[in-house]
Amino acid sequence: MLEELTLYSVVALKNLLPDADRALCDLAQQVSGWGRIQCIYRLKDSVLPEVRYWLLHGGYQNGVMTEEVAYIAATAGGLRAALDTEPDDEILDHAGALLVALACGGPAEDMTSYSDGGAALAAYLTRIAAAAASLERAGHLYTLDRYLHGWADGNPLLSAAALQQLRSQIEQVLAEPRWQGQVQAGLASDDLREVRKGLAIARRFGLDPIPVARAWITREPHDGYLWQTLVNAASHDEMATLIQLAETLLPFTALPTGPARDLGIGAGFEANHCFELILQRLKDFPGLGWPAVAIGLDARVTRTRHMTLRVFAEWPRDTWPEGTAETIQAMAWRDPDNGVKKRARAILEGKKLE
């Protein structure tokens, strides 16, 4: 079914049927993007047990953002009660995904709107402490730990005492060595999707992700997550080595050049995306990687030129290679994108970038 037609179907069903919830739930299961989300918006007050069950047990999953509907799934689906009453540990995977989405926040209601949030977190942590470990569950705990030790400070629904209790709970759970074993298994997997999950949380569990990312980068040189893992933790000397590696694996000289108003989206731009991740990090190393930065100034993709200019905004003027100011001045005059022109002028005038 076409996603863009779903909203019209939803409106028609609501107008034609006195109780459209079953039909909306059936329709939602035939789509996965905004169409599913539009259906879920209209199921938030449903009292039908089968609808509530579906929302909580995977109905929230969609191709846009779990955050869009996590609050509806948690409240209409009865997440808090399910953690107390459902004996099957499958509920822990759905609960973890929903609590993570609510903790991360987004365009819809989040943990600051969820009155049962504190109780749901406590019930989840109590049950997960006795449940089997998995890499997915370790990822959920990692994000919830970050939430409780930072983002949750601004949640008016969590008292200081409740927050402290939740922090104590999650610290006790994460201290168990079985979680580290799951992350190690993920890092050792031959499935890059599992490896990425392990890389994202390795340091929290006392593991170094760098050797694994280095081992994979030659196999998957266009994987942005691998490059991001490597450059984010790199020292000056390590960054210099990574630039040399990227020149070989990407390589820079093969990237599309000739400034244009190009979004750089879709197939064929994977190497360009990895190149941009390197550029973002180079702003912290004045003077390093000039061959890469020079290519960025002449990149076809508009976003890449913006990122390259940000590098020069962070580099002291005395670290600019000879001729850089003239190149940026030419961009301010002739670049096909007005935003790039504006940024180039701001840099030359020493203004702080937005």
Protein backbone atom coordinates (compact mmCIF):
# COMPACT_ATOMS: atom_id res chain seq x y z
CA MET A 1 0.00 0.00 0.00
CA LEU A 2 1.23 3.51 -0.78
CA GLU A 3 2.22 5.36 2.39
CA GLU A 4 1.11 8.73 1.01
CA LEU A 5 -2.45 7.47 0.59
CA THR A 6 -2.78 6.14 4.13
CA LEU A 7 -3.84 9.42 5.70
CA TYR A 8 -6.77 9.71 3.27
CA SER A 9 -7.76 6.15 4.12
CA VAL A 10 -7.53 6.89 7.84
CA VAL A 11 -9.82 9.90 7.53
CA ALA A 12 -12.30 7.91 5.45
CA LEU A 13 -12.39 5.06 7.96
CA LYS A 14 -12.93 7.44 10.87
CA ASN A 15 -15.81 9.12 9.00
CA LEU A 16 -17.45 5.91 7.76
CA LEU A 17 -17.19 3.60 10.76
CA PRO A 18 -18.66 4.25 14.21
CA ASP A 19 -15.77 2.27 15.73
CA ALA A 20 -12.83 2.30 13.36
CA ASP A 21 -10.10 1.09 15.73
CA ARG A 22 -9.91 -2.46 14.39
CA ALA A 23 -9.81 -1.24 10.82
CA LEU A 24 -7.13 1.33 11.67
CA CYS A 25 -5.03 -1.29 13.42
CA ASP A 26 -5.32 -3.59 10.41
CA LEU A 27 -4.39 -0.72 8.09
CA ALA A 28 -1.39 0.20 10.27
CA GLN A 29 0.01 -3.30 9.89
CA GLN A 30 0.10 -2.92 6.11
CA VAL A 31 2.35 0.16 6.16
CA SER A 32 5.57 0.98 7.98
CA GLY A 33 6.32 4.70 7.66
CA TRP A 34 4.26 7.83 8.14
CA GLY A 35 1.17 5.86 7.23
CA ARG A 36 1.59 3.67 10.31
CA ILE A 37 2.27 6.72 12.44
CA GLN A 38 -0.93 8.42 11.23
CA CYS A 39 -2.89 5.32 12.24
CA ILE A 40 -1.27 5.16 15.66
CA TYR A 41 -2.05 8.82 16.32
CA ARG A 42 -5.73 7.88 16.03
CA LEU A 43 -5.44 4.79 18.21
CA LYS A 44 -4.15 6.58 21.29
CA ASP A 45 -7.55 6.39 23.05
CA SER A 46 -8.45 2.88 21.94
CA VAL A 47 -9.89 0.58 24.60
CA LEU A 48 -9.73 -2.57 22.48
CA PRO A 49 -7.39 -5.11 24.16
CA GLU A 50 -6.04 -6.38 20.83
CA VAL A 51 -5.17 -2.84 19.71
CA ARG A 52 -3.48 -2.00 23.01
CA TYR A 53 -1.53 -5.26 22.87
CA TRP A 54 -0.39 -4.60 19.30
CA LEU A 55 0.77 -1.08 20.11
CA LEU A 56 2.96 -2.35 22.94
CA HIS A 57 4.26 -5.50 21.29
CA GLY A 58 5.87 -4.09 18.17
CA GLY A 59 3.18 -1.88 16.68
CA TYR A 60 5.24 1.18 17.62
CA GLN A 61 8.05 0.06 15.28
CA ASN A 62 8.13 2.16 12.12
CA GLY A 63 10.44 3.39 9.42
CA VAL A 64 10.56 6.98 10.65
CA MET A 65 11.21 7.33 14.39
CA THR A 66 10.12 5.27 17.38
CA GLU A 67 10.08 8.58 19.27
CA GLU A 68 7.09 9.71 17.21
CA VAL A 69 4.77 7.15 18.82
CA ALA A 70 6.61 5.81 21.89
CA TYR A 71 4.43 7.79 24.30
CA ILE A 72 1.22 6.51 22.72
CA ALA A 73 2.48 2.93 22.76
CA ALA A 74 3.58 3.19 26.38
CA THR A 75 0.41 4.82 27.66
CA ALA A 76 -2.30 3.28 25.46
CA GLY A 77 -0.47 -0.07 25.51
CA GLY A 78 -0.16 -0.10 29.30
CA LEU A 79 3.61 -0.49 29.54
CA ARG A 80 3.77 -0.01 33.29
CA ALA A 81 1.16 -2.69 34.02
CA ALA A 82 2.63 -5.09 31.46
CA LEU A 83 5.99 -5.05 33.24
CA ASP A 84 4.22 -6.28 36.37
CA THR A 85 1.84 -8.79 34.82
CA GLU A 86 3.38 -10.30 31.68
CA PRO A 87 5.60 -13.23 32.62
CA ASP A 88 7.25 -13.59 29.20
CA ASP A 89 10.58 -11.74 29.02
CA GLU A 90 9.73 -10.62 25.49
CA ILE A 91 8.10 -7.59 27.10
CA LEU A 92 11.57 -6.48 28.23
CA ASP A 93 12.74 -5.92 24.67
CA HIS A 94 9.68 -3.81 23.81
CA ALA A 95 9.90 -1.98 27.14
CA GLY A 96 13.58 -1.25 26.59
CA ALA A 97 12.97 0.14 23.11
CA LEU A 98 10.10 2.35 24.27
CA LEU A 99 11.86 3.63 27.39
CA VAL A 100 14.94 4.47 25.32
CA ALA A 101 12.80 6.39 22.81
CA LEU A 102 11.07 8.27 25.62
CA ALA A 103 14.42 9.03 27.26
CA CYS A 104 15.96 10.32 24.03
CA GLY A 105 12.99 12.59 23.41
CA GLY A 106 11.98 13.95 20.07
CA PRO A 107 9.16 15.67 18.24
CA ALA A 108 6.43 14.08 20.39
CA GLU A 109 5.82 13.54 24.11
CA ASP A 110 8.77 12.05 25.97
CA MET A 111 9.74 11.01 29.50
CA THR A 112 8.92 14.48 30.81
CA SER A 113 5.28 13.83 29.86
CA TYR A 114 5.07 10.20 30.95
CA SER A 115 3.70 10.16 34.48
CA ASP A 116 4.46 6.45 34.87
CA GLY A 117 8.00 6.89 33.60
CA GLY A 118 9.79 6.53 36.91
CA ALA A 119 7.74 3.51 37.94
CA ALA A 120 8.17 1.89 34.52
CA LEU A 121 11.94 2.39 34.67
CA ALA A 122 12.09 0.88 38.17
CA ALA A 123 10.00 -2.12 37.13
CA TYR A 124 12.09 -2.61 34.00
CA LEU A 125 15.38 -2.51 35.90
CA THR A 126 14.04 -4.93 38.52
CA ARG A 127 13.10 -7.45 35.85
CA ILE A 128 16.15 -6.98 33.64
CA ALA A 129 18.38 -7.72 36.63
CA ALA A 130 17.12 -11.31 36.59
CA ALA A 131 16.67 -11.70 32.82
CA ALA A 132 18.96 -13.15 30.19
CA ALA A 133 21.54 -10.76 28.80
CA SER A 134 21.66 -9.80 25.12
CA LEU A 135 23.46 -7.20 23.04
CA GLU A 136 20.19 -5.42 22.33
CA ARG A 137 19.35 -5.23 26.03
CA ALA A 138 22.86 -4.01 26.80
CA GLY A 139 22.27 -1.19 24.29
CA HIS A 140 19.01 -0.24 25.98
CA LEU A 141 20.69 -0.17 29.39
CA TYR A 142 23.54 1.94 28.02
CA THR A 143 21.16 4.64 26.79
CA LEU A 144 19.02 4.55 29.92
CA ASP A 145 22.17 4.89 32.02
CA ARG A 146 23.13 8.01 30.08
CA TYR A 147 19.63 9.34 30.58
CA LEU A 148 19.57 8.76 34.33
CA HIS A 149 23.03 10.24 34.83
CA GLY A 150 22.43 13.34 32.74
CA TRP A 151 19.33 14.04 30.74
CA ALA A 152 16.94 13.06 33.56
CA ASP A 153 18.05 15.99 35.73
CA GLY A 154 15.54 18.20 33.91
CA ASN A 155 12.59 15.82 34.26
CA PRO A 156 10.03 17.42 36.62
CA LEU A 157 8.28 14.06 37.07
CA LEU A 158 11.32 12.45 38.74
CA SER A 159 12.10 13.49 42.30
CA ALA A 160 15.70 13.60 43.48
CA ALA A 161 15.10 10.53 45.64
CA ALA A 162 13.50 8.57 42.79
CA LEU A 163 16.30 9.51 40.44
CA GLN A 164 18.95 8.43 42.92
CA GLN A 165 17.21 5.10 43.41
CA LEU A 166 17.04 4.50 39.67
CA ARG A 167 20.72 5.37 39.29
CA SER A 168 21.61 2.88 41.99
CA GLN A 169 19.50 0.21 40.31
CA ILE A 170 21.03 0.60 36.88
CA GLU A 171 24.57 0.76 38.24
CA GLN A 172 24.03 -2.57 40.00
CA VAL A 173 22.67 -4.14 36.82
CA LEU A 174 25.47 -2.84 34.60
CA ALA A 175 28.13 -4.02 37.06
CA GLU A 176 27.27 -7.63 36.23
CA PRO A 177 29.95 -9.13 33.91
CA ARG A 178 27.38 -10.88 31.70
CA TRP A 179 26.71 -7.62 29.86
CA GLN A 180 30.35 -7.16 28.94
CA GLY A 181 30.31 -10.68 27.54
CA GLN A 182 27.44 -9.78 25.21
CA VAL A 183 29.27 -6.69 23.98
CA GLN A 184 32.43 -8.72 23.39
CA ALA A 185 30.41 -11.19 21.36
CA GLY A 186 28.97 -8.35 19.31
CA LEU A 187 32.41 -6.95 18.58
CA ALA A 188 33.61 -10.39 17.53
CA SER A 189 30.66 -10.99 15.21
CA ASP A 190 31.07 -11.38 11.46
CA ASP A 191 27.85 -9.40 11.01
CA LEU A 192 28.66 -5.70 10.69
CA ARG A 193 25.25 -4.76 12.09
CA GLU A 194 26.10 -6.56 15.34
CA VAL A 195 29.61 -5.06 15.32
CA ARG A 196 28.15 -1.53 15.09
CA LYS A 197 25.96 -2.19 18.13
CA GLY A 198 29.01 -3.31 20.06
CA LEU A 199 31.12 -0.36 18.94
CA ALA A 200 28.48 2.10 20.12
CA ILE A 201 28.57 0.91 23.73
CA ALA A 202 31.96 -0.78 24.11
CA ARG A 203 33.65 1.85 26.26
CA ARG A 204 30.86 1.83 28.84
CA PHE A 205 31.58 -1.85 29.38
CA GLY A 206 35.34 -1.44 29.64
CA LEU A 207 36.14 -2.49 26.08
CA ASP A 208 38.24 -0.68 23.46
CA PRO A 209 36.33 -0.38 20.15
CA ILE A 210 39.27 0.97 18.14
CA PRO A 211 41.03 -2.31 17.22
CA VAL A 212 37.73 -3.75 16.00
CA ALA A 213 36.91 -0.66 13.93
CA ARG A 214 40.41 -0.68 12.42
CA ALA A 215 40.08 -4.34 11.49
CA TRP A 216 36.77 -3.70 9.75
CA ILE A 217 37.55 -0.44 7.96
CA THR A 218 39.55 -2.08 5.16
CA ARG A 219 36.66 -4.52 4.60
CA GLU A 220 33.98 -1.82 4.66
CA PRO A 221 35.76 1.45 3.74
CA HIS A 222 32.49 3.26 3.02
CA ASP A 223 30.90 2.56 6.40
CA GLY A 224 30.43 5.89 8.14
CA TYR A 225 30.01 4.40 11.60
CA LEU A 226 33.45 2.79 11.45
CA TRP A 227 35.09 6.07 10.43
CA GLN A 228 33.20 7.95 13.12
CA THR A 229 34.36 5.50 15.77
CA LEU A 230 37.96 5.93 14.69
CA VAL A 231 38.11 9.70 14.26
CA ASN A 232 36.13 10.58 17.39
CA ALA A 233 38.75 9.02 19.64
CA ALA A 234 41.83 9.96 17.59
CA SER A 235 44.79 11.95 18.87
CA HIS A 236 46.71 14.29 16.57
CA ASP A 237 49.13 11.57 15.44
CA GLU A 238 46.37 9.00 15.09
CA MET A 239 44.34 11.43 13.03
CA ALA A 240 47.29 11.95 10.69
CA THR A 241 47.48 8.19 10.19
CA LEU A 242 43.74 7.96 9.57
CA ILE A 243 43.93 10.66 6.91
CA GLN A 244 46.58 8.65 5.09
CA LEU A 245 44.41 5.56 5.37
CA ALA A 246 41.38 7.44 4.08
CA GLU A 247 43.37 8.74 1.10
CA THR A 248 43.94 5.12 0.14
CA LEU A 249 40.55 3.62 0.97
CA LEU A 250 38.07 6.28 -0.10
CA PRO A 251 40.08 7.91 -1.90
CA PHE A 252 39.81 11.71 -1.67
CA THR A 253 40.87 12.33 -5.23
CA ALA A 254 37.94 10.31 -6.57
CA LEU A 255 35.30 12.38 -4.79
CA PRO A 256 33.07 14.52 -7.02
CA THR A 257 34.38 18.08 -7.35
CA GLY A 258 33.21 21.28 -8.96
CA PRO A 259 30.92 23.27 -6.61
CA ALA A 260 27.21 22.74 -7.22
CA ARG A 261 23.94 22.88 -5.33
CA ASP A 262 24.04 19.14 -4.68
CA LEU A 263 22.57 17.55 -1.55
CA GLY A 264 24.78 14.48 -1.83
CA ILE A 265 21.95 12.10 -0.96
CA GLY A 266 21.51 8.54 -2.17
CA ALA A 267 23.66 5.85 -3.68
CA GLY A 268 27.10 6.89 -4.83
CA PHE A 269 27.79 9.35 -2.02
CA GLU A 270 28.93 6.89 0.65
CA ALA A 271 32.60 7.89 0.32
CA ASN A 272 31.65 11.56 0.44
CA HIS A 273 29.77 10.98 3.70
CA CYS A 274 32.82 9.29 5.27
CA PHE A 275 34.99 12.16 4.04
CA GLU A 276 32.69 14.62 5.84
CA LEU A 277 33.11 12.72 9.11
CA ILE A 278 36.86 13.22 8.80
CA LEU A 279 36.42 16.92 8.01
CA GLN A 280 34.30 17.42 11.11
CA ARG A 281 37.13 16.13 13.28
CA LEU A 282 39.86 18.08 11.50
CA LYS A 283 38.53 21.33 12.92
CA ASP A 284 40.13 20.24 16.21
CA PHE A 285 43.60 19.87 14.64
CA PRO A 286 44.70 23.19 13.10
CA GLY A 287 46.87 22.74 10.01
CA LEU A 288 46.42 18.98 9.81
CA GLY A 289 45.12 17.27 6.68
CA TRP A 290 45.44 20.14 4.23
CA PRO A 291 45.13 17.90 1.11
CA ALA A 292 41.75 16.68 2.39
CA VAL A 293 40.59 20.16 3.36
CA ALA A 294 41.59 21.58 -0.02
CA ILE A 295 39.45 18.97 -1.76
CA GLY A 296 36.57 19.88 0.54
CA LEU A 297 36.68 23.49 -0.58
CA ASP A 298 36.08 22.38 -4.16
CA ALA A 299 33.57 19.62 -3.39
CA ARG A 300 30.48 19.24 -5.50
CA VAL A 301 28.23 18.56 -2.48
CA THR A 302 27.05 21.74 -0.78
CA ARG A 303 27.14 20.25 2.72
CA THR A 304 30.79 19.25 2.26
CA ARG A 305 31.80 22.83 1.43
CA HIS A 306 29.93 24.07 4.50
CA MET A 307 31.82 21.59 6.67
CA THR A 308 35.14 22.57 5.15
CA LEU A 309 34.49 26.23 5.89
CA ARG A 310 33.73 25.28 9.49
CA VAL A 311 37.23 23.80 9.68
CA PHE A 312 38.72 27.17 8.77
CA ALA A 313 36.39 28.92 11.21
CA GLU A 314 38.06 26.89 13.98
CA TRP A 315 41.64 27.05 12.70
CA PRO A 316 43.61 30.15 13.75
CA ARG A 317 44.35 32.32 10.73
CA ASP A 318 48.11 31.76 11.07
CA THR A 319 47.61 28.01 10.47
CA TRP A 320 45.89 28.56 7.12
CA PRO A 321 48.05 27.41 4.18
CA GLU A 322 49.11 30.08 1.72
CA GLY A 323 46.33 31.06 -0.65
CA THR A 324 43.48 29.89 1.61
CA ALA A 325 42.04 33.37 2.17
CA GLU A 326 41.95 33.99 -1.58
CA THR A 327 40.17 30.65 -2.15
CA ILE A 328 37.54 31.45 0.47
CA GLN A 329 37.12 34.93 -1.00
CA ALA A 330 36.45 33.34 -4.39
CA MET A 331 33.83 31.12 -2.74
CA ALA A 332 32.19 34.20 -1.26
CA TRP A 333 31.86 35.62 -4.78
CA ARG A 334 31.16 32.62 -6.97
CA ASP A 335 29.83 29.64 -5.01
CA PRO A 336 26.46 28.51 -6.41
CA ASP A 337 24.95 28.26 -2.93
CA ASN A 338 24.03 31.47 -1.10
CA GLY A 339 24.53 29.83 2.27
CA VAL A 340 28.10 28.92 1.41
CA LYS A 341 28.72 32.48 0.18
CA LYS A 342 27.41 33.90 3.45
CA ARG A 343 29.53 31.55 5.54
CA ALA A 344 32.66 32.30 3.50
CA ARG A 345 32.17 36.04 4.03
CA ALA A 346 31.60 35.54 7.75
CA ILE A 347 34.85 33.61 8.11
CA LEU A 348 36.86 36.22 6.26
CA GLU A 349 35.35 38.91 8.49
CA GLY A 350 36.17 36.90 11.62
CA LYS A 351 32.54 36.55 12.64
CA LYS A 352 31.28 33.68 14.76
CA LEU A 353 29.37 31.14 12.70
CA GLU A 354 25.78 30.27 13.51
